[in-house]
Amino acid sequence: MKSDKTKKDTISRLDFVKKASMASFGALAITSVVKATTSKSKSTKPVLPKKSKDPIVQSFLSGDVENIKLRMQDDIRRALKKPVEQRKWAMVIDLRKCVGCNACTVACIAENSLPPGVVYRPVIKEEVGEYPNVSKHNFPKPCMQCSTPPCTEVCPVGATFQRPDGIVEIDYKKCIGCRYCLTACPYEHRVFDFGEYYTEHTPMLMDYEKRPSFEYGKNWPREDGESPIGNARKCTYCLHRLEAGSLPQCVSTCIGGANYFGDLNDPNSVIAKIYPLAEPYKPEFGTNPTTRYIH
């Protein structure tokens, strides 16, 4: 006969094997359920462009990206032949095409010589749903270029104002850095330039950080005590590029063709045909933004 200790050891080993088997079975069952649920949550149907009865609009939404960019550039050059008060610049972002690569963010920083803490084109990444049905939404957020901008109303010195073509501009020579406009912007887009450099506190400040910016078509040197240091800053729709007949840098750089831009007052432009399908961000603010989104 086995001793009591031997019996206990045998029972313990059996319990261990039994529990291990149940755990393995449970893990397999959970894996099967997760796979089944995941396969159900993934649609086999492609994401179709937003419906429009106009075949031309449909071709803009799902056509060749580079050719559409060339056509939008032609739209800009045609708009420049008109007086500034007859133009109405606008942007549409197709969120279904944004892959969250941040190429637009980086390109904007390089184009406008932006310092640390100043970003004109952030891409907000939001996780939605519950496990295992989870997805990520990418949300590029440039200036909304509001038709009724609250930032202009609070500026005590009139440094921020709306141009005849709809772009909200900041005059760095007038700005006193009070930051009232940062608080007034309901989209939290405006930022403040504290005069920082990426390579400060290193043996040598790199020359590329001293480059002037050409925002609003003007030369703004970046030196202590000079504009735009100590001022509020924001996306400009790359006005300096527009006036040279080029698309905004974010539109040119986007690999997925998620951005559309042009003159709303030109009925033959790409943007004028796409715009009716787009929706404003947070319309409850009553700002009537000209930057809009397709979901």
Foldseek 3Di string as FASTA:
>chain_A
DDDPVVVVVVVVVVVVVVVVVVVVVVVVVVVVVQVVVVVVLDDPDDDQFDDDPDVVLSCLRPHDLVVLQVQQLVQLVVVLVDPLLLFAKFKEFAQVLDPPPCQLFVLQCLQFLDAPFATQWDWDWDWDDDPPNIDITTHTDHPLLFPAQQLQVPQPQSQWDADSRSFIHGNQVRFQLPCPSCVRGPVNRKTAAQLDHPCPPHPDGDPSSQAFGCAPNRTWTRDVPTPPHSGIDGDGQPNNQSNVSHGRSSCVRDPRNRMHMHTCSDCPRSCVSNVVQWDQDPCVVVRHGRYTYHD
